[in-house]
Amino acid sequence: MLTLDQALEMALASHPALQTAKPSADIMQARIQGERSVLYPKVTGRFVFPFVGTESGVSLQQHIWDFRQTQHRIQASRAQAQASGFEQAVQREDVILNVKVTYYTVLIQQLIKTEAEYRVRTLEKRLEQLEHLFNIGRRSQTELTQARINLNQVKLSIAKAHHDVENARLDLVYAMGLTTALPYELAPEVEYHEPDVDLEQALQRALAHRSELHRQDAQIASLKSQAAAAKQSAYPSIFGRMAWRIEGEGAEQPGFVVGIGVQGVIFDGFATAAKRQEAEAQVRHAEAEMAMQKQQIAMEVRQAVLGLQLAMEQIQVTQLSEREAQKNLRVVYEQLRLGRLSAVDLAEAQLLEASATVKRVQSMYNAKIALAQLEHATGRDIAR
């Protein structure tokens, strides 16, 4: 038997969407190091044989100051690395939600199949009774034919229910990131504790904890740092240089040189200004996307709360129906003992009770799905 916790553990360990975390982190770290490399000295060598003049030698260039352009680029890379980490969290939360929904969907489809099988057995008993009544002339051929048609239709519903169960299992396999059929039966989870849900608290949790918002915050921070770097790129950079040259034949320049230099763009056809404007526009665009995401998340939370409230009301209704069906079954047993009802009446009462139980359990699974959707919408587990 496969429990939900085991299914989640398998999905988080093997889902392909989550296997990119380590490579993505390595990529981001390499980019940060690439930006930091500007701060380190650059040593180059050139040797031409035979030595002529001062063509050959070793030179060193050291970055000194560029009005914080490099620091801003490093900050942008670090923020982008944080955004990548939050993207992995988003994917992880999506995997958890999909596994929960598909797991409960399989259980629901199995209940529907079980109910159809109960119905077939009841209709078979009813058909036996009708055939007996037809043989003694108390039922017509039309009634007998209609009973047979009804039985065949319910048998067809069993085939469809079996198909739906297998499709649901395939969805669960995909949600878990597996490549082979699921070799386990699922463990039922019929226990349900009503959660404590407050809309305003749920909205606050969502805005504080949703990984999508943290990811967007990091992306905005990265874009702001890129915009600052683009703004500072209009200023020159200061560097130091040292060179040791081999004085070959005909050398006219000194063999050892140390100096400081300034390098900058005097005019680039307004390219620097255009880059700065583009970077600032990207920041505004990302901030607008953040506002849209917050609006979308708030709508998801409200819809999830409404869905959970409806599911809990359905549980209450199905519990009442189940109690009524159980009461009716007790009455039928007593009437059967007194000889006032037949075995077909008992089978129909048992079907009614079984169907009510199936609907009650199904409503609990629907509530679990609604709760999983609310927890995904808020980014946190809901207290039960």
Protein backbone atom coordinates (compact mmCIF):
# COMPACT_ATOMS: atom_id res chain seq x y z
CA MET A 1 0.00 0.00 0.00
CA LEU A 2 1.24 3.44 -0.91
CA THR A 3 0.41 6.27 1.49
CA LEU A 4 0.19 9.90 0.50
CA ASP A 5 3.33 10.74 2.49
CA GLN A 6 5.25 8.01 0.65
CA ALA A 7 3.98 9.27 -2.70
CA LEU A 8 5.13 12.79 -1.85
CA GLU A 9 8.51 11.51 -0.72
CA MET A 10 9.00 9.59 -3.98
CA ALA A 11 7.94 12.60 -6.06
CA LEU A 12 10.24 15.04 -4.28
CA ALA A 13 13.15 12.61 -4.63
CA SER A 14 12.78 11.76 -8.31
CA HIS A 15 10.61 14.28 -10.15
CA PRO A 16 12.53 15.59 -13.19
CA ALA A 17 11.33 19.15 -12.61
CA LEU A 18 13.16 19.15 -9.26
CA GLN A 19 16.40 17.60 -10.52
CA THR A 20 17.48 20.93 -12.05
CA ALA A 21 18.03 22.54 -8.66
CA LYS A 22 21.73 21.68 -8.32
CA PRO A 23 22.69 22.54 -11.94
CA SER A 24 20.75 25.82 -11.69
CA ALA A 25 22.56 26.72 -8.47
CA ASP A 26 25.91 25.91 -10.12
CA ILE A 27 25.02 28.10 -13.12
CA MET A 28 24.10 31.03 -10.89
CA GLN A 29 27.27 30.63 -8.81
CA ALA A 30 29.37 30.60 -11.98
CA ARG A 31 27.72 33.83 -13.13
CA ILE A 32 28.42 35.48 -9.80
CA GLN A 33 32.06 34.41 -10.02
CA GLY A 34 32.18 35.71 -13.57
CA GLU A 35 31.10 39.16 -12.39
CA ARG A 36 33.50 39.04 -9.43
CA SER A 37 36.41 38.20 -11.73
CA VAL A 38 36.66 41.90 -12.65
CA LEU A 39 37.92 42.61 -9.12
CA TYR A 40 40.91 40.28 -9.49
CA PRO A 41 44.14 41.14 -11.33
CA LYS A 42 44.49 40.03 -14.95
CA VAL A 43 47.87 38.60 -15.79
CA THR A 44 48.85 38.00 -19.43
CA GLY A 45 52.03 36.95 -21.10
CA ARG A 46 53.43 37.22 -24.61
CA PHE A 47 56.66 35.75 -25.86
CA VAL A 48 57.97 36.10 -29.39
CA PHE A 49 61.25 34.47 -30.41
CA PRO A 50 63.72 35.81 -31.19
CA PHE A 51 63.34 38.64 -28.71
CA VAL A 52 63.10 41.89 -30.59
CA GLY A 53 62.44 45.23 -28.92
CA THR A 54 59.99 44.87 -26.06
CA GLU A 55 57.43 42.63 -27.75
CA SER A 56 57.77 39.85 -25.17
CA GLY A 57 56.95 39.99 -21.49
CA VAL A 58 54.34 39.72 -18.75
CA SER A 59 51.73 42.35 -17.91
CA LEU A 60 49.31 42.77 -15.03
CA GLN A 61 46.18 44.94 -14.96
CA GLN A 62 44.18 45.59 -11.79
CA HIS A 63 40.73 47.09 -11.54
CA ILE A 64 40.69 50.01 -9.07
CA TRP A 65 37.38 51.86 -9.33
CA ASP A 66 34.46 52.02 -11.76
CA PHE A 67 31.90 53.96 -9.71
CA ARG A 68 30.39 50.71 -8.37
CA GLN A 69 29.45 49.30 -11.77
CA THR A 70 30.99 45.93 -10.90
CA GLN A 71 29.39 45.84 -7.44
CA HIS A 72 25.97 46.47 -8.98
CA ARG A 73 26.50 43.68 -11.51
CA ILE A 74 27.53 41.29 -8.72
CA GLN A 75 24.44 42.24 -6.73
CA ALA A 76 22.30 41.63 -9.82
CA SER A 77 23.78 38.14 -10.25
CA ARG A 78 23.25 37.31 -6.58
CA ALA A 79 19.61 38.45 -6.75
CA GLN A 80 19.13 36.38 -9.89
CA ALA A 81 20.53 33.37 -8.04
CA GLN A 82 17.98 33.97 -5.28
CA ALA A 83 15.22 34.17 -7.90
CA SER A 84 16.38 30.84 -9.31
CA GLY A 85 16.17 29.29 -5.84
CA PHE A 86 12.62 30.56 -5.39
CA GLU A 87 11.73 29.18 -8.83
CA GLN A 88 12.78 25.76 -7.55
CA ALA A 89 10.50 26.30 -4.53
CA VAL A 90 7.62 27.14 -6.87
CA GLN A 91 8.16 23.92 -8.79
CA ARG A 92 8.36 21.94 -5.55
CA GLU A 93 5.06 23.38 -4.32
CA ASP A 94 3.43 22.59 -7.68
CA VAL A 95 4.64 18.99 -7.49
CA ILE A 96 3.22 18.61 -3.97
CA LEU A 97 -0.17 19.99 -5.03
CA ASN A 98 -0.35 17.82 -8.15
CA VAL A 99 0.52 14.66 -6.21
CA LYS A 100 -2.11 15.37 -3.55
CA VAL A 101 -4.84 16.15 -6.09
CA THR A 102 -4.11 13.12 -8.27
CA TYR A 103 -3.75 10.82 -5.24
CA TYR A 104 -7.18 11.78 -3.92
CA THR A 105 -8.64 11.65 -7.43
CA VAL A 106 -7.58 8.00 -7.73
CA LEU A 107 -9.32 7.23 -4.44
CA ILE A 108 -12.46 9.04 -5.59
CA GLN A 109 -12.56 7.11 -8.88
CA GLN A 110 -12.12 3.85 -6.97
CA LEU A 111 -15.14 4.78 -4.81
CA ILE A 112 -17.22 5.48 -7.90
CA LYS A 113 -16.26 2.08 -9.30
CA THR A 114 -17.17 0.39 -6.00
CA GLU A 115 -20.57 2.07 -5.99
CA ALA A 116 -21.21 0.90 -9.57
CA GLU A 117 -20.35 -2.68 -8.56
CA TYR A 118 -22.83 -2.47 -5.66
CA ARG A 119 -25.45 -1.21 -8.08
CA VAL A 120 -24.87 -4.11 -10.49
CA ARG A 121 -25.35 -6.68 -7.73
CA THR A 122 -28.58 -5.00 -6.65
CA LEU A 123 -29.95 -4.84 -10.19
CA GLU A 124 -29.06 -8.49 -10.73
CA LYS A 125 -31.16 -9.46 -7.72
CA ARG A 126 -33.96 -7.24 -8.93
CA LEU A 127 -33.77 -8.86 -12.36
CA GLU A 128 -33.99 -12.32 -10.79
CA GLN A 129 -37.14 -11.25 -8.98
CA LEU A 130 -38.65 -9.79 -12.16
CA GLU A 131 -37.88 -12.96 -14.11
CA HIS A 132 -39.69 -14.99 -11.44
CA LEU A 133 -42.67 -12.61 -11.53
CA PHE A 134 -42.67 -12.69 -15.34
CA ASN A 135 -42.74 -16.48 -15.34
CA ILE A 136 -45.86 -16.48 -13.20
CA GLY A 137 -47.45 -13.75 -15.29
CA ARG A 138 -47.22 -10.87 -12.82
CA ARG A 139 -44.77 -8.76 -14.86
CA SER A 140 -44.76 -7.84 -18.55
CA GLN A 141 -42.08 -8.49 -21.15
CA THR A 142 -41.48 -4.75 -21.40
CA GLU A 143 -40.70 -4.48 -17.68
CA LEU A 144 -38.35 -7.43 -17.92
CA THR A 145 -36.57 -5.97 -20.95
CA GLN A 146 -36.22 -2.58 -19.28
CA ALA A 147 -34.64 -4.23 -16.24
CA ARG A 148 -32.13 -6.02 -18.44
CA ILE A 149 -31.28 -2.79 -20.28
CA ASN A 150 -30.79 -0.98 -16.95
CA LEU A 151 -28.46 -3.73 -15.77
CA ASN A 152 -26.38 -3.56 -18.96
CA GLN A 153 -26.09 0.21 -18.68
CA VAL A 154 -24.79 -0.07 -15.13
CA LYS A 155 -22.34 -2.77 -16.23
CA LEU A 156 -21.12 -0.34 -18.87
CA SER A 157 -20.64 2.26 -16.15
CA ILE A 158 -18.33 -0.20 -14.37
CA ALA A 159 -16.16 -0.40 -17.48
CA LYS A 160 -16.06 3.40 -17.65
CA ALA A 161 -15.28 3.61 -13.92
CA HIS A 162 -12.40 1.15 -14.38
CA HIS A 163 -11.12 3.27 -17.28
CA ASP A 164 -11.34 6.41 -15.13
CA VAL A 165 -9.43 4.70 -12.30
CA GLU A 166 -6.61 3.71 -14.65
CA ASN A 167 -6.46 7.21 -16.14
CA ALA A 168 -6.31 8.70 -12.64
CA ARG A 169 -3.47 6.34 -11.75
CA LEU A 170 -1.59 7.45 -14.89
CA ASP A 171 -2.07 11.08 -13.83
CA LEU A 172 -0.63 10.20 -10.42
CA VAL A 173 2.37 8.49 -12.04
CA TYR A 174 3.03 11.61 -14.12
CA ALA A 175 2.57 13.89 -11.09
CA MET A 176 5.12 11.81 -9.17
CA GLY A 177 7.62 12.04 -12.04
CA LEU A 178 7.75 8.27 -12.56
CA THR A 179 8.31 6.58 -15.91
CA THR A 180 6.71 3.21 -15.12
CA ALA A 181 3.26 2.14 -14.02
CA LEU A 182 2.45 2.47 -10.33
CA PRO A 183 2.85 -1.01 -8.78
CA TYR A 184 1.03 -0.11 -5.55
CA GLU A 185 -2.51 0.16 -4.29
CA LEU A 186 -3.26 3.46 -2.56
CA ALA A 187 -3.94 3.61 1.15
CA PRO A 188 -7.34 5.23 1.90
CA GLU A 189 -7.27 8.40 3.98
CA VAL A 190 -10.77 8.68 5.39
CA GLU A 191 -9.87 10.74 8.46
CA TYR A 192 -10.62 14.41 8.09
CA HIS A 193 -10.31 17.24 10.59
CA GLU A 194 -12.04 20.50 9.82
CA PRO A 195 -9.39 23.22 9.37
CA ASP A 196 -9.49 26.62 10.98
CA VAL A 197 -9.73 28.99 8.01
CA ASP A 198 -9.89 32.77 8.12
CA LEU A 199 -9.88 34.62 4.80
CA GLU A 200 -7.92 37.65 5.97
CA GLN A 201 -5.27 35.50 7.64
CA ALA A 202 -5.07 33.33 4.53
CA LEU A 203 -4.51 36.41 2.37
CA GLN A 204 -1.79 37.69 4.71
CA ARG A 205 -0.04 34.30 4.70
CA ALA A 206 -0.16 34.15 0.92
CA LEU A 207 1.37 37.61 0.48
CA ALA A 208 4.05 36.77 3.05
CA HIS A 209 4.97 33.24 1.96
CA ARG A 210 4.17 32.59 -1.69
CA SER A 211 7.39 31.64 -3.46
CA GLU A 212 6.23 33.36 -6.65
CA LEU A 213 6.28 36.72 -4.86
CA HIS A 214 9.72 36.05 -3.35
CA ARG A 215 10.96 35.12 -6.80
CA GLN A 216 9.55 38.33 -8.29
CA ASP A 217 11.07 40.38 -5.46
CA ALA A 218 14.48 38.89 -6.24
CA GLN A 219 14.04 39.55 -9.95
CA ILE A 220 13.13 43.18 -9.25
CA ALA A 221 16.21 43.54 -7.04
CA SER A 222 18.33 42.09 -9.85
CA LEU A 223 16.83 44.46 -12.41
CA LYS A 224 17.37 47.45 -10.11
CA SER A 225 21.02 46.52 -9.71
CA GLN A 226 21.34 46.14 -13.48
CA ALA A 227 19.73 49.56 -13.95
CA ALA A 228 22.18 51.08 -11.44
CA ALA A 229 25.08 49.47 -13.29
CA ALA A 230 23.77 50.81 -16.60
CA LYS A 231 23.54 54.30 -15.09
CA GLN A 232 27.08 54.17 -13.74
CA SER A 233 28.45 52.86 -17.06
CA ALA A 234 28.51 56.45 -18.28
CA TYR A 235 31.41 57.10 -15.90
CA PRO A 236 35.00 56.05 -16.61
CA SER A 237 36.85 53.24 -14.90
CA ILE A 238 40.24 53.52 -13.22
CA PHE A 239 42.80 50.75 -13.44
CA GLY A 240 46.43 50.12 -12.64
CA ARG A 241 48.89 48.41 -14.96
CA MET A 242 52.33 46.88 -14.54
CA ALA A 243 54.43 45.29 -17.26
CA TRP A 244 57.75 43.50 -17.29
CA ARG A 245 59.19 43.29 -20.79
CA ILE A 246 62.15 41.38 -22.11
CA GLU A 247 64.53 43.87 -23.64
CA GLY A 248 65.44 42.28 -26.91
CA GLU A 249 67.53 43.51 -29.81
CA GLY A 250 66.85 47.13 -30.61
CA ALA A 251 64.75 47.75 -27.49
CA GLU A 252 64.00 51.43 -27.05
CA GLN A 253 61.38 51.25 -24.25
CA PRO A 254 62.01 50.44 -20.57
CA GLY A 255 61.71 46.82 -19.51
CA PHE A 256 59.58 47.56 -16.44
CA VAL A 257 56.56 49.86 -16.52
CA VAL A 258 54.05 50.77 -13.76
CA GLY A 259 51.17 53.17 -14.25
CA ILE A 260 47.57 54.09 -13.63
CA GLY A 261 44.98 54.69 -16.30
CA VAL A 262 41.48 55.96 -16.93
CA GLN A 263 39.20 54.45 -19.52
CA GLY A 264 35.74 55.54 -20.60
CA VAL A 265 33.40 56.16 -23.48
CA ILE A 266 33.34 59.70 -24.77
CA PHE A 267 30.46 59.25 -27.21
CA ASP A 268 28.68 56.03 -28.22
CA GLY A 269 25.70 57.30 -30.18
CA PHE A 270 23.51 57.44 -27.05
CA ALA A 271 23.80 53.64 -26.62
CA THR A 272 24.55 53.99 -22.90
CA ALA A 273 21.53 56.21 -22.36
CA ALA A 274 19.35 53.73 -24.24
CA LYS A 275 20.58 50.84 -22.09
CA ARG A 276 19.84 52.83 -18.95
CA GLN A 277 16.31 53.63 -20.16
CA GLU A 278 15.72 50.00 -21.06
CA ALA A 279 16.90 48.81 -17.65
CA GLU A 280 14.67 51.31 -15.83
CA ALA A 281 11.70 50.27 -17.98
CA GLN A 282 12.35 46.61 -17.13
CA VAL A 283 12.20 47.51 -13.43
CA ARG A 284 8.84 49.24 -13.88
CA HIS A 285 7.56 46.29 -15.91
CA ALA A 286 8.62 43.82 -13.21
CA GLU A 287 6.96 45.93 -10.51
CA ALA A 288 3.74 45.97 -12.54
CA GLU A 289 3.97 42.17 -12.86
CA MET A 290 4.39 41.97 -9.09
CA ALA A 291 1.13 43.89 -8.60
CA MET A 292 -0.62 41.56 -11.05
CA GLN A 293 0.76 38.49 -9.27
CA LYS A 294 -0.49 39.75 -5.92
CA GLN A 295 -3.93 40.30 -7.43
CA GLN A 296 -3.90 36.81 -8.96
CA ILE A 297 -2.78 35.21 -5.70
CA ALA A 298 -5.48 37.03 -3.74
CA MET A 299 -8.08 35.68 -6.18
CA GLU A 300 -6.65 32.15 -5.85
CA VAL A 301 -6.88 32.36 -2.06
CA ARG A 302 -10.49 33.60 -2.13
CA GLN A 303 -11.49 30.88 -4.59
CA ALA A 304 -9.72 28.23 -2.52
CA VAL A 305 -11.45 29.38 0.67
CA LEU A 306 -14.84 29.27 -1.06
CA GLY A 307 -14.05 25.82 -2.44
CA LEU A 308 -13.11 24.54 1.01
CA GLN A 309 -16.22 26.01 2.59
CA LEU A 310 -18.39 24.30 -0.04
CA ALA A 311 -16.56 21.01 0.51
CA MET A 312 -17.14 21.18 4.27
CA GLU A 313 -20.85 21.85 3.70
CA GLN A 314 -20.99 18.83 1.41
CA ILE A 315 -19.46 16.71 4.18
CA GLN A 316 -22.21 17.75 6.58
CA VAL A 317 -24.95 16.99 4.04
CA THR A 318 -23.52 13.59 3.10
CA GLN A 319 -23.09 12.67 6.77
CA LEU A 320 -26.80 13.35 7.34
CA SER A 321 -27.67 11.30 4.25
CA GLU A 322 -25.52 8.42 5.45
CA ARG A 323 -27.21 8.41 8.86
CA GLU A 324 -30.63 8.37 7.19
CA ALA A 325 -29.57 5.48 4.94
CA GLN A 326 -28.24 3.53 7.92
CA LYS A 327 -31.49 4.13 9.79
CA ASN A 328 -33.45 2.94 6.76
CA LEU A 329 -31.31 -0.21 6.53
CA ARG A 330 -32.03 -1.07 10.16
CA VAL A 331 -35.76 -0.70 9.50
CA VAL A 332 -35.51 -2.93 6.41
CA TYR A 333 -33.68 -5.61 8.40
CA GLU A 334 -36.52 -5.59 10.94
CA GLN A 335 -39.18 -5.72 8.23
CA LEU A 336 -37.33 -8.57 6.55
CA ARG A 337 -37.22 -10.47 9.84
CA LEU A 338 -40.98 -10.08 10.11
CA GLY A 339 -41.40 -11.35 6.58
CA ARG A 340 -42.83 -8.10 5.22
CA LEU A 341 -39.98 -7.38 2.75
CA SER A 342 -37.91 -9.46 0.35
CA ALA A 343 -34.20 -9.96 -0.21
CA VAL A 344 -34.41 -7.52 -3.13
CA ASP A 345 -35.70 -4.83 -0.78
CA LEU A 346 -32.77 -5.55 1.51
CA ALA A 347 -30.32 -5.32 -1.40
CA GLU A 348 -31.75 -1.95 -2.41
CA ALA A 349 -31.47 -0.67 1.17
CA GLN A 350 -27.88 -1.90 1.32
CA LEU A 351 -27.15 -0.15 -1.98
CA LEU A 352 -28.67 3.05 -0.63
CA GLU A 353 -26.51 2.83 2.49
CA ALA A 354 -23.37 1.97 0.50
CA SER A 355 -23.99 4.84 -1.94
CA ALA A 356 -24.45 7.28 0.95
CA THR A 357 -21.19 6.09 2.52
CA VAL A 358 -19.37 6.44 -0.81
CA LYS A 359 -20.66 9.99 -1.23
CA ARG A 360 -19.64 10.87 2.33
CA VAL A 361 -16.09 9.57 1.84
CA GLN A 362 -15.93 11.20 -1.60
CA SER A 363 -16.91 14.54 -0.06
CA MET A 364 -14.05 14.14 2.43
CA TYR A 365 -11.58 13.53 -0.39
CA ASN A 366 -12.96 16.58 -2.19
CA ALA A 367 -12.40 18.56 1.00
CA LYS A 368 -8.81 17.28 1.19
CA ILE A 369 -8.28 18.43 -2.41
CA ALA A 370 -9.75 21.83 -1.58
CA LEU A 371 -7.51 22.08 1.49
CA ALA A 372 -4.43 21.18 -0.59
CA GLN A 373 -5.37 23.91 -3.06
CA LEU A 374 -5.76 26.43 -0.25
CA GLU A 375 -2.40 25.45 1.26
CA HIS A 376 -0.81 25.88 -2.16
CA ALA A 377 -2.51 29.27 -2.57
CA THR A 378 -1.26 30.51 0.82
CA GLY A 379 2.17 28.88 0.63
CA ARG A 380 1.73 27.36 4.09
CA ASP A 381 -0.02 24.42 5.80
CA ILE A 382 -3.40 25.23 7.35
CA ALA A 383 -3.87 24.42 11.02
CA ARG A 384 -6.43 21.67 11.65
